[in-house]
Amino acid sequence: LEEGWIAYQDEVITVACSDGLLKILAGE
């Protein structure tokens, strides 16, 4: 995930994987 891959994102993004959830905030 290159720096700035997702820009202008202030909310948490949920990542639903095959074995559970991750969260992304500010691209991390």
mmCIF file of all heavy atoms, coordinates in Angstrom:
data_MODEL
# 
_entry.id   MODEL 
# 
loop_
_atom_site.group_PDB 
_atom_site.id 
_atom_site.type_symbol 
_atom_site.label_atom_id 
_atom_site.label_alt_id 
_atom_site.label_comp_id 
_atom_site.label_asym_id 
_atom_site.label_entity_id 
_atom_site.label_seq_id 
_atom_site.pdbx_PDB_ins_code 
_atom_site.Cartn_x 
_atom_site.Cartn_y 
_atom_site.Cartn_z 
_atom_site.occupancy 
_atom_site.B_iso_or_equiv 
_atom_site.pdbx_formal_charge 
_atom_site.auth_seq_id 
_atom_site.auth_comp_id 
_atom_site.auth_asym_id 
_atom_site.auth_atom_id 
_atom_site.pdbx_PDB_model_num 
ATOM 1   N N   . LEU A 1 1  ? 0.875   -1.173  0.000  1.00 0.00 ? 1  LEU A N   1 
ATOM 2   C CA  . LEU A 1 1  ? 0.000   0.000   0.000  1.00 0.00 ? 1  LEU A CA  1 
ATOM 3   C C   . LEU A 1 1  ? 0.911   1.221   0.000  1.00 0.00 ? 1  LEU A C   1 
ATOM 4   O O   . LEU A 1 1  ? 1.429   1.614   1.044  1.00 0.00 ? 1  LEU A O   1 
ATOM 5   C CB  . LEU A 1 1  ? -0.907  -0.002  1.239  1.00 0.00 ? 1  LEU A CB  1 
ATOM 6   C CG  . LEU A 1 1  ? -1.807  -1.221  1.428  1.00 0.00 ? 1  LEU A CG  1 
ATOM 7   C CD1 . LEU A 1 1  ? -2.515  -1.161  2.767  1.00 0.00 ? 1  LEU A CD1 1 
ATOM 8   C CD2 . LEU A 1 1  ? -2.802  -1.330  0.280  1.00 0.00 ? 1  LEU A CD2 1 
ATOM 9   N N   . GLU A 1 2  ? 1.135   1.791   -1.182 1.00 0.00 ? 2  GLU A N   1 
ATOM 10  C CA  . GLU A 1 2  ? 2.039   2.932   -1.272 1.00 0.00 ? 2  GLU A CA  1 
ATOM 11  C C   . GLU A 1 2  ? 1.477   4.112   -0.496 1.00 0.00 ? 2  GLU A C   1 
ATOM 12  O O   . GLU A 1 2  ? 0.259   4.279   -0.381 1.00 0.00 ? 2  GLU A O   1 
ATOM 13  C CB  . GLU A 1 2  ? 2.254   3.324   -2.733 1.00 0.00 ? 2  GLU A CB  1 
ATOM 14  C CG  . GLU A 1 2  ? 3.063   2.320   -3.504 1.00 0.00 ? 2  GLU A CG  1 
ATOM 15  C CD  . GLU A 1 2  ? 3.407   2.784   -4.903 1.00 0.00 ? 2  GLU A CD  1 
ATOM 16  O OE1 . GLU A 1 2  ? 2.974   3.882   -5.324 1.00 0.00 ? 2  GLU A OE1 1 
ATOM 17  O OE2 . GLU A 1 2  ? 4.119   2.024   -5.592 1.00 0.00 ? 2  GLU A OE2 1 
ATOM 18  N N   . GLU A 1 3  ? 2.362   4.923   0.042  1.00 0.00 ? 3  GLU A N   1 
ATOM 19  C CA  . GLU A 1 3  ? 1.933   6.101   0.790  1.00 0.00 ? 3  GLU A CA  1 
ATOM 20  C C   . GLU A 1 3  ? 0.965   6.924   -0.053 1.00 0.00 ? 3  GLU A C   1 
ATOM 21  O O   . GLU A 1 3  ? 1.218   7.189   -1.220 1.00 0.00 ? 3  GLU A O   1 
ATOM 22  C CB  . GLU A 1 3  ? 3.135   6.959   1.174  1.00 0.00 ? 3  GLU A CB  1 
ATOM 23  C CG  . GLU A 1 3  ? 2.760   8.103   2.084  1.00 0.00 ? 3  GLU A CG  1 
ATOM 24  C CD  . GLU A 1 3  ? 3.969   8.863   2.569  1.00 0.00 ? 3  GLU A CD  1 
ATOM 25  O OE1 . GLU A 1 3  ? 5.083   8.306   2.608  1.00 0.00 ? 3  GLU A OE1 1 
ATOM 26  O OE2 . GLU A 1 3  ? 3.788   10.034  2.935  1.00 0.00 ? 3  GLU A OE2 1 
ATOM 27  N N   . GLY A 1 4  ? -0.151  7.275   0.552  1.00 0.00 ? 4  GLY A N   1 
ATOM 28  C CA  . GLY A 1 4  ? -1.159  8.058   -0.158 1.00 0.00 ? 4  GLY A CA  1 
ATOM 29  C C   . GLY A 1 4  ? -2.018  7.250   -1.117 1.00 0.00 ? 4  GLY A C   1 
ATOM 30  O O   . GLY A 1 4  ? -2.688  7.807   -1.974 1.00 0.00 ? 4  GLY A O   1 
ATOM 31  N N   . TRP A 1 5  ? -2.030  5.924   -0.966 1.00 0.00 ? 5  TRP A N   1 
ATOM 32  C CA  . TRP A 1 5  ? -2.834  5.081   -1.866 1.00 0.00 ? 5  TRP A CA  1 
ATOM 33  C C   . TRP A 1 5  ? -4.301  5.448   -1.800 1.00 0.00 ? 5  TRP A C   1 
ATOM 34  O O   . TRP A 1 5  ? -5.021  5.373   -2.780 1.00 0.00 ? 5  TRP A O   1 
ATOM 35  C CB  . TRP A 1 5  ? -2.629  3.599   -1.578 1.00 0.00 ? 5  TRP A CB  1 
ATOM 36  C CG  . TRP A 1 5  ? -3.208  3.114   -0.272 1.00 0.00 ? 5  TRP A CG  1 
ATOM 37  C CD1 . TRP A 1 5  ? -2.617  3.202   0.957  1.00 0.00 ? 5  TRP A CD1 1 
ATOM 38  C CD2 . TRP A 1 5  ? -4.454  2.480   -0.060 1.00 0.00 ? 5  TRP A CD2 1 
ATOM 39  N NE1 . TRP A 1 5  ? -3.430  2.652   1.919  1.00 0.00 ? 5  TRP A NE1 1 
ATOM 40  C CE2 . TRP A 1 5  ? -4.565  2.200   1.323  1.00 0.00 ? 5  TRP A CE2 1 
ATOM 41  C CE3 . TRP A 1 5  ? -5.514  2.103   -0.891 1.00 0.00 ? 5  TRP A CE3 1 
ATOM 42  C CZ2 . TRP A 1 5  ? -5.660  1.573   1.896  1.00 0.00 ? 5  TRP A CZ2 1 
ATOM 43  C CZ3 . TRP A 1 5  ? -6.614  1.474   -0.321 1.00 0.00 ? 5  TRP A CZ3 1 
ATOM 44  C CH2 . TRP A 1 5  ? -6.676  1.213   1.045  1.00 0.00 ? 5  TRP A CH2 1 
ATOM 45  N N   . ILE A 1 6  ? -4.734  5.853   -0.621 1.00 0.00 ? 6  ILE A N   1 
ATOM 46  C CA  . ILE A 1 6  ? -6.087  6.368   -0.483 1.00 0.00 ? 6  ILE A CA  1 
ATOM 47  C C   . ILE A 1 6  ? -5.951  7.779   0.072  1.00 0.00 ? 6  ILE A C   1 
ATOM 48  O O   . ILE A 1 6  ? -5.337  7.988   1.114  1.00 0.00 ? 6  ILE A O   1 
ATOM 49  C CB  . ILE A 1 6  ? -6.984  5.474   0.383  1.00 0.00 ? 6  ILE A CB  1 
ATOM 50  C CG1 . ILE A 1 6  ? -8.410  5.995   0.365  1.00 0.00 ? 6  ILE A CG1 1 
ATOM 51  C CG2 . ILE A 1 6  ? -6.457  5.318   1.779  1.00 0.00 ? 6  ILE A CG2 1 
ATOM 52  C CD1 . ILE A 1 6  ? -9.438  5.002   0.807  1.00 0.00 ? 6  ILE A CD1 1 
ATOM 53  N N   . ALA A 1 7  ? -6.457  8.734   -0.666 1.00 0.00 ? 7  ALA A N   1 
ATOM 54  C CA  . ALA A 1 7  ? -6.274  10.134  -0.288 1.00 0.00 ? 7  ALA A CA  1 
ATOM 55  C C   . ALA A 1 7  ? -7.594  10.747  0.170  1.00 0.00 ? 7  ALA A C   1 
ATOM 56  O O   . ALA A 1 7  ? -8.660  10.363  -0.288 1.00 0.00 ? 7  ALA A O   1 
ATOM 57  C CB  . ALA A 1 7  ? -5.718  10.908  -1.473 1.00 0.00 ? 7  ALA A CB  1 
ATOM 58  N N   . TYR A 1 8  ? -7.472  11.708  1.064  1.00 0.00 ? 8  TYR A N   1 
ATOM 59  C CA  . TYR A 1 8  ? -8.620  12.464  1.573  1.00 0.00 ? 8  TYR A CA  1 
ATOM 60  C C   . TYR A 1 8  ? -9.626  11.569  2.281  1.00 0.00 ? 8  TYR A C   1 
ATOM 61  O O   . TYR A 1 8  ? -10.828 11.693  2.100  1.00 0.00 ? 8  TYR A O   1 
ATOM 62  C CB  . TYR A 1 8  ? -9.315  13.254  0.451  1.00 0.00 ? 8  TYR A CB  1 
ATOM 63  C CG  . TYR A 1 8  ? -8.349  14.018  -0.410 1.00 0.00 ? 8  TYR A CG  1 
ATOM 64  C CD1 . TYR A 1 8  ? -8.161  13.689  -1.729 1.00 0.00 ? 8  TYR A CD1 1 
ATOM 65  C CD2 . TYR A 1 8  ? -7.592  15.043  0.134  1.00 0.00 ? 8  TYR A CD2 1 
ATOM 66  C CE1 . TYR A 1 8  ? -7.247  14.374  -2.522 1.00 0.00 ? 8  TYR A CE1 1 
ATOM 67  C CE2 . TYR A 1 8  ? -6.671  15.734  -0.644 1.00 0.00 ? 8  TYR A CE2 1 
ATOM 68  C CZ  . TYR A 1 8  ? -6.509  15.397  -1.961 1.00 0.00 ? 8  TYR A CZ  1 
ATOM 69  O OH  . TYR A 1 8  ? -5.594  16.067  -2.731 1.00 0.00 ? 8  TYR A OH  1 
ATOM 70  N N   . GLN A 1 9  ? -9.133  10.658  3.102  1.00 0.00 ? 9  GLN A N   1 
ATOM 71  C CA  . GLN A 1 9  ? -10.000 9.729   3.814  1.00 0.00 ? 9  GLN A CA  1 
ATOM 72  C C   . GLN A 1 9  ? -9.831  9.935   5.310  1.00 0.00 ? 9  GLN A C   1 
ATOM 73  O O   . GLN A 1 9  ? -8.795  9.630   5.867  1.00 0.00 ? 9  GLN A O   1 
ATOM 74  C CB  . GLN A 1 9  ? -9.645  8.283   3.437  1.00 0.00 ? 9  GLN A CB  1 
ATOM 75  C CG  . GLN A 1 9  ? -10.573 7.258   4.007  1.00 0.00 ? 9  GLN A CG  1 
ATOM 76  C CD  . GLN A 1 9  ? -11.974 7.394   3.478  1.00 0.00 ? 9  GLN A CD  1 
ATOM 77  O OE1 . GLN A 1 9  ? -12.185 7.683   2.316  1.00 0.00 ? 9  GLN A OE1 1 
ATOM 78  N NE2 . GLN A 1 9  ? -12.947 7.200   4.323  1.00 0.00 ? 9  GLN A NE2 1 
ATOM 79  N N   . ASP A 1 10 ? -10.862 10.460  5.960  1.00 0.00 ? 10 ASP A N   1 
ATOM 80  C CA  . ASP A 1 10 ? -10.800 10.727  7.398  1.00 0.00 ? 10 ASP A CA  1 
ATOM 81  C C   . ASP A 1 10 ? -11.531 9.685   8.231  1.00 0.00 ? 10 ASP A C   1 
ATOM 82  O O   . ASP A 1 10 ? -11.402 9.671   9.441  1.00 0.00 ? 10 ASP A O   1 
ATOM 83  C CB  . ASP A 1 10 ? -11.392 12.108  7.699  1.00 0.00 ? 10 ASP A CB  1 
ATOM 84  C CG  . ASP A 1 10 ? -10.630 13.221  7.018  1.00 0.00 ? 10 ASP A CG  1 
ATOM 85  O OD1 . ASP A 1 10 ? -9.412  13.075  6.840  1.00 0.00 ? 10 ASP A OD1 1 
ATOM 86  O OD2 . ASP A 1 10 ? -11.260 14.225  6.647  1.00 0.00 ? 10 ASP A OD2 1 
ATOM 87  N N   . GLU A 1 11 ? -12.325 8.847   7.607  1.00 0.00 ? 11 GLU A N   1 
ATOM 88  C CA  . GLU A 1 11 ? -13.122 7.837   8.303  1.00 0.00 ? 11 GLU A CA  1 
ATOM 89  C C   . GLU A 1 11 ? -12.394 6.495   8.282  1.00 0.00 ? 11 GLU A C   1 
ATOM 90  O O   . GLU A 1 11 ? -11.584 6.224   7.411  1.00 0.00 ? 11 GLU A O   1 
ATOM 91  C CB  . GLU A 1 11 ? -14.477 7.681   7.612  1.00 0.00 ? 11 GLU A CB  1 
ATOM 92  C CG  . GLU A 1 11 ? -15.260 8.958   7.486  1.00 0.00 ? 11 GLU A CG  1 
ATOM 93  C CD  . GLU A 1 11 ? -16.039 9.294   8.733  1.00 0.00 ? 11 GLU A CD  1 
ATOM 94  O OE1 . GLU A 1 11 ? -16.418 8.361   9.459  1.00 0.00 ? 11 GLU A OE1 1 
ATOM 95  O OE2 . GLU A 1 11 ? -16.258 10.491  8.969  1.00 0.00 ? 11 GLU A OE2 1 
ATOM 96  N N   . VAL A 1 12 ? -12.749 5.636   9.221  1.00 0.00 ? 12 VAL A N   1 
ATOM 97  C CA  . VAL A 1 12 ? -12.211 4.280   9.254  1.00 0.00 ? 12 VAL A CA  1 
ATOM 98  C C   . VAL A 1 12 ? -12.846 3.469   8.131  1.00 0.00 ? 12 VAL A C   1 
ATOM 99  O O   . VAL A 1 12 ? -14.048 3.552   7.885  1.00 0.00 ? 12 VAL A O   1 
ATOM 100 C CB  . VAL A 1 12 ? -12.492 3.613   10.618 1.00 0.00 ? 12 VAL A CB  1 
ATOM 101 C CG1 . VAL A 1 12 ? -12.131 2.132   10.596 1.00 0.00 ? 12 VAL A CG1 1 
ATOM 102 C CG2 . VAL A 1 12 ? -11.723 4.324   11.726 1.00 0.00 ? 12 VAL A CG2 1 
ATOM 103 N N   . ILE A 1 13 ? -12.024 2.689   7.450  1.00 0.00 ? 13 ILE A N   1 
ATOM 104 C CA  . ILE A 1 13 ? -12.488 1.764   6.417  1.00 0.00 ? 13 ILE A CA  1 
ATOM 105 C C   . ILE A 1 13 ? -12.367 0.358   6.983  1.00 0.00 ? 13 ILE A C   1 
ATOM 106 O O   . ILE A 1 13 ? -11.328 -0.010  7.532  1.00 0.00 ? 13 ILE A O   1 
ATOM 107 C CB  . ILE A 1 13 ? -11.638 1.888   5.142  1.00 0.00 ? 13 ILE A CB  1 
ATOM 108 C CG1 . ILE A 1 13 ? -11.771 3.284   4.554  1.00 0.00 ? 13 ILE A CG1 1 
ATOM 109 C CG2 . ILE A 1 13 ? -12.046 0.830   4.123  1.00 0.00 ? 13 ILE A CG2 1 
ATOM 110 C CD1 . ILE A 1 13 ? -10.788 3.563   3.441  1.00 0.00 ? 13 ILE A CD1 1 
ATOM 111 N N   . THR A 1 14 ? -13.422 -0.424  6.854  1.00 0.00 ? 14 THR A N   1 
ATOM 112 C CA  . THR A 1 14 ? -13.413 -1.808  7.304  1.00 0.00 ? 14 THR A CA  1 
ATOM 113 C C   . THR A 1 14 ? -12.996 -2.707  6.150  1.00 0.00 ? 14 THR A C   1 
ATOM 114 O O   . THR A 1 14 ? -13.499 -2.563  5.038  1.00 0.00 ? 14 THR A O   1 
ATOM 115 C CB  . THR A 1 14 ? -14.813 -2.228  7.798  1.00 0.00 ? 14 THR A CB  1 
ATOM 116 O OG1 . THR A 1 14 ? -15.204 -1.373  8.858  1.00 0.00 ? 14 THR A OG1 1 
ATOM 117 C CG2 . THR A 1 14 ? -14.819 -3.664  8.287  1.00 0.00 ? 14 THR A CG2 1 
ATOM 118 N N   . VAL A 1 15 ? -12.067 -3.624  6.439  1.00 0.00 ? 15 VAL A N   1 
ATOM 119 C CA  . VAL A 1 15 ? -11.623 -4.599  5.446  1.00 0.00 ? 15 VAL A CA  1 
ATOM 120 C C   . VAL A 1 15 ? -12.096 -5.976  5.916  1.00 0.00 ? 15 VAL A C   1 
ATOM 121 O O   . VAL A 1 15 ? -11.634 -6.479  6.939  1.00 0.00 ? 15 VAL A O   1 
ATOM 122 C CB  . VAL A 1 15 ? -10.090 -4.607  5.287  1.00 0.00 ? 15 VAL A CB  1 
ATOM 123 C CG1 . VAL A 1 15 ? -9.672  -5.604  4.212  1.00 0.00 ? 15 VAL A CG1 1 
ATOM 124 C CG2 . VAL A 1 15 ? -9.566  -3.218  4.976  1.00 0.00 ? 15 VAL A CG2 1 
ATOM 125 N N   . ALA A 1 16 ? -13.036 -6.557  5.195  1.00 0.00 ? 16 ALA A N   1 
ATOM 126 C CA  . ALA A 1 16 ? -13.542 -7.890  5.512  1.00 0.00 ? 16 ALA A CA  1 
ATOM 127 C C   . ALA A 1 16 ? -12.717 -8.917  4.741  1.00 0.00 ? 16 ALA A C   1 
ATOM 128 O O   . ALA A 1 16 ? -12.816 -9.007  3.519  1.00 0.00 ? 16 ALA A O   1 
ATOM 129 C CB  . ALA A 1 16 ? -15.016 -7.996  5.150  1.00 0.00 ? 16 ALA A CB  1 
ATOM 130 N N   . CYS A 1 17 ? -11.874 -9.641  5.474  1.00 0.00 ? 17 CYS A N   1 
ATOM 131 C CA  . CYS A 1 17 ? -11.029 -10.677 4.884  1.00 0.00 ? 17 CYS A CA  1 
ATOM 132 C C   . CYS A 1 17 ? -11.694 -12.036 5.098  1.00 0.00 ? 17 CYS A C   1 
ATOM 133 O O   . CYS A 1 17 ? -12.663 -12.148 5.842  1.00 0.00 ? 17 CYS A O   1 
ATOM 134 C CB  . CYS A 1 17 ? -9.649  -10.658 5.539  1.00 0.00 ? 17 CYS A CB  1 
ATOM 135 S SG  . CYS A 1 17 ? -8.786  -9.080  5.372  1.00 0.00 ? 17 CYS A SG  1 
ATOM 136 N N   . SER A 1 18 ? -11.157 -13.066 4.487  1.00 0.00 ? 18 SER A N   1 
ATOM 137 C CA  . SER A 1 18 ? -11.753 -14.398 4.609  1.00 0.00 ? 18 SER A CA  1 
ATOM 138 C C   . SER A 1 18 ? -11.705 -14.930 6.041  1.00 0.00 ? 18 SER A C   1 
ATOM 139 O O   . SER A 1 18 ? -12.490 -15.799 6.397  1.00 0.00 ? 18 SER A O   1 
ATOM 140 C CB  . SER A 1 18 ? -11.066 -15.370 3.658  1.00 0.00 ? 18 SER A CB  1 
ATOM 141 O OG  . SER A 1 18 ? -9.693  -15.508 3.987  1.00 0.00 ? 18 SER A OG  1 
ATOM 142 N N   . ASP A 1 19 ? -10.804 -14.385 6.874  1.00 0.00 ? 19 ASP A N   1 
ATOM 143 C CA  . ASP A 1 19 ? -10.672 -14.880 8.250  1.00 0.00 ? 19 ASP A CA  1 
ATOM 144 C C   . ASP A 1 19 ? -10.912 -13.804 9.315  1.00 0.00 ? 19 ASP A C   1 
ATOM 145 O O   . ASP A 1 19 ? -10.501 -13.963 10.452 1.00 0.00 ? 19 ASP A O   1 
ATOM 146 C CB  . ASP A 1 19 ? -9.298  -15.515 8.451  1.00 0.00 ? 19 ASP A CB  1 
ATOM 147 C CG  . ASP A 1 19 ? -8.144  -14.537 8.278  1.00 0.00 ? 19 ASP A CG  1 
ATOM 148 O OD1 . ASP A 1 19 ? -8.370  -13.420 7.749  1.00 0.00 ? 19 ASP A OD1 1 
ATOM 149 O OD2 . ASP A 1 19 ? -7.011  -14.885 8.661  1.00 0.00 ? 19 ASP A OD2 1 
ATOM 150 N N   . GLY A 1 20 ? -11.565 -12.728 8.961  1.00 0.00 ? 20 GLY A N   1 
ATOM 151 C CA  . GLY A 1 20 ? -11.865 -11.693 9.962  1.00 0.00 ? 20 GLY A CA  1 
ATOM 152 C C   . GLY A 1 20 ? -11.748 -10.289 9.400  1.00 0.00 ? 20 GLY A C   1 
ATOM 153 O O   . GLY A 1 20 ? -11.614 -10.095 8.194  1.00 0.00 ? 20 GLY A O   1 
ATOM 154 N N   . LEU A 1 21 ? -11.789 -9.331  10.303 1.00 0.00 ? 21 LEU A N   1 
ATOM 155 C CA  . LEU A 1 21 ? -11.813 -7.917  9.918  1.00 0.00 ? 21 LEU A CA  1 
ATOM 156 C C   . LEU A 1 21 ? -10.517 -7.195  10.253 1.00 0.00 ? 21 LEU A C   1 
ATOM 157 O O   . LEU A 1 21 ? -9.872  -7.491  11.257 1.00 0.00 ? 21 LEU A O   1 
ATOM 158 C CB  . LEU A 1 21 ? -12.951 -7.195  10.647 1.00 0.00 ? 21 LEU A CB  1 
ATOM 159 C CG  . LEU A 1 21 ? -14.367 -7.666  10.367 1.00 0.00 ? 21 LEU A CG  1 
ATOM 160 C CD1 . LEU A 1 21 ? -15.353 -6.908  11.241 1.00 0.00 ? 21 LEU A CD1 1 
ATOM 161 C CD2 . LEU A 1 21 ? -14.725 -7.496  8.910  1.00 0.00 ? 21 LEU A CD2 1 
ATOM 162 N N   . LEU A 1 22 ? -10.171 -6.229  9.404  1.00 0.00 ? 22 LEU A N   1 
ATOM 163 C CA  . LEU A 1 22 ? -9.107  -5.266  9.654  1.00 0.00 ? 22 LEU A CA  1 
ATOM 164 C C   . LEU A 1 22 ? -9.724  -3.883  9.519  1.00 0.00 ? 22 LEU A C   1 
ATOM 165 O O   . LEU A 1 22 ? -10.810 -3.728  8.958  1.00 0.00 ? 22 LEU A O   1 
ATOM 166 C CB  . LEU A 1 22 ? -7.983  -5.407  8.621  1.00 0.00 ? 22 LEU A CB  1 
ATOM 167 C CG  . LEU A 1 22 ? -7.144  -6.663  8.653  1.00 0.00 ? 22 LEU A CG  1 
ATOM 168 C CD1 . LEU A 1 22 ? -6.232  -6.729  7.438  1.00 0.00 ? 22 LEU A CD1 1 
ATOM 169 C CD2 . LEU A 1 22 ? -6.326  -6.722  9.927  1.00 0.00 ? 22 LEU A CD2 1 
ATOM 170 N N   . LYS A 1 23 ? -9.019  -2.887  9.987  1.00 0.00 ? 23 LYS A N   1 
ATOM 171 C CA  . LYS A 1 23 ? -9.470  -1.512  9.824  1.00 0.00 ? 23 LYS A CA  1 
ATOM 172 C C   . LYS A 1 23 ? -8.318  -0.682  9.258  1.00 0.00 ? 23 LYS A C   1 
ATOM 173 O O   . LYS A 1 23 ? -7.166  -0.939  9.559  1.00 0.00 ? 23 LYS A O   1 
ATOM 174 C CB  . LYS A 1 23 ? -9.943  -0.928  11.140 1.00 0.00 ? 23 LYS A CB  1 
ATOM 175 C CG  . LYS A 1 23 ? -11.203 -1.637  11.656 1.00 0.00 ? 23 LYS A CG  1 
ATOM 176 C CD  . LYS A 1 23 ? -11.822 -0.901  12.804 1.00 0.00 ? 23 LYS A CD  1 
ATOM 177 C CE  . LYS A 1 23 ? -12.980 -1.660  13.374 1.00 0.00 ? 23 LYS A CE  1 
ATOM 178 N NZ  . LYS A 1 23 ? -14.127 -1.791  12.552 1.00 0.00 ? 23 LYS A NZ  1 
ATOM 179 N N   . ILE A 1 24 ? -8.691  0.318   8.455  1.00 0.00 ? 24 ILE A N   1 
ATOM 180 C CA  . ILE A 1 24 ? -7.709  1.220   7.856  1.00 0.00 ? 24 ILE A CA  1 
ATOM 181 C C   . ILE A 1 24 ? -8.103  2.639   8.229  1.00 0.00 ? 24 ILE A C   1 
ATOM 182 O O   . ILE A 1 24 ? -9.266  3.008   8.123  1.00 0.00 ? 24 ILE A O   1 
ATOM 183 C CB  . ILE A 1 24 ? -7.690  1.081   6.321  1.00 0.00 ? 24 ILE A CB  1 
ATOM 184 C CG1 . ILE A 1 24 ? -7.204  -0.312  5.929  1.00 0.00 ? 24 ILE A CG1 1 
ATOM 185 C CG2 . ILE A 1 24 ? -6.829  2.154   5.687  1.00 0.00 ? 24 ILE A CG2 1 
ATOM 186 C CD1 . ILE A 1 24 ? -7.308  -0.608  4.460  1.00 0.00 ? 24 ILE A CD1 1 
ATOM 187 N N   . LEU A 1 25 ? -7.125  3.416   8.670  1.00 0.00 ? 25 LEU A N   1 
ATOM 188 C CA  . LEU A 1 25 ? -7.345  4.818   8.954  1.00 0.00 ? 25 LEU A CA  1 
ATOM 189 C C   . LEU A 1 25 ? -6.181  5.590   8.347  1.00 0.00 ? 25 LEU A C   1 
ATOM 190 O O   . LEU A 1 25 ? -5.021  5.239   8.563  1.00 0.00 ? 25 LEU A O   1 
ATOM 191 C CB  . LEU A 1 25 ? -7.423  5.081   10.458 1.00 0.00 ? 25 LEU A CB  1 
ATOM 192 C CG  . LEU A 1 25 ? -7.692  6.530   10.873 1.00 0.00 ? 25 LEU A CG  1 
ATOM 193 C CD1 . LEU A 1 25 ? -9.019  7.031   10.320 1.00 0.00 ? 25 LEU A CD1 1 
ATOM 194 C CD2 . LEU A 1 25 ? -7.665  6.661   12.378 1.00 0.00 ? 25 LEU A CD2 1 
ATOM 195 N N   . ALA A 1 26 ? -6.503  6.606   7.569  1.00 0.00 ? 26 ALA A N   1 
ATOM 196 C CA  . ALA A 1 26 ? -5.489  7.434   6.894  1.00 0.00 ? 26 ALA A CA  1 
ATOM 197 C C   . ALA A 1 26 ? -4.512  6.590   6.083  1.00 0.00 ? 26 ALA A C   1 
ATOM 198 O O   . ALA A 1 26 ? -3.311  6.847   6.053  1.00 0.00 ? 26 ALA A O   1 
ATOM 199 C CB  . ALA A 1 26 ? -4.757  8.308   7.914  1.00 0.00 ? 26 ALA A CB  1 
ATOM 200 N N   . GLY A 1 27 ? -5.023  5.540   5.457  1.00 0.00 ? 27 GLY A N   1 
ATOM 201 C CA  . GLY A 1 27 ? -4.209  4.697   4.583  1.00 0.00 ? 27 GLY A CA  1 
ATOM 202 C C   . GLY A 1 27 ? -3.387  3.635   5.269  1.00 0.00 ? 27 GLY A C   1 
ATOM 203 O O   . GLY A 1 27 ? -2.708  2.863   4.613  1.00 0.00 ? 27 GLY A O   1 
ATOM 204 N N   . GLU A 1 28 ? -3.460  3.560   6.599  1.00 0.00 ? 28 GLU A N   1 
ATOM 205 C CA  . GLU A 1 28 ? -2.674  2.582   7.354  1.00 0.00 ? 28 GLU A CA  1 
ATOM 206 C C   . GLU A 1 28 ? -3.570  1.532   7.989  1.00 0.00 ? 28 GLU A C   1 
ATOM 207 O O   . GLU A 1 28 ? -4.633  1.861   8.510  1.00 0.00 ? 28 GLU A O   1 
ATOM 208 C CB  . GLU A 1 28 ? -1.893  3.291   8.461  1.00 0.00 ? 28 GLU A CB  1 
ATOM 209 C CG  . GLU A 1 28 ? -0.900  4.318   7.974  1.00 0.00 ? 28 GLU A CG  1 
ATOM 210 C CD  . GLU A 1 28 ? 0.291   3.708   7.272  1.00 0.00 ? 28 GLU A CD  1 
ATOM 211 O OE1 . GLU A 1 28 ? 0.721   2.605   7.651  1.00 0.00 ? 28 GLU A OE1 1 
ATOM 212 O OE2 . GLU A 1 28 ? 0.786   4.333   6.317  1.00 0.00 ? 28 GLU A OE2 1 
# 
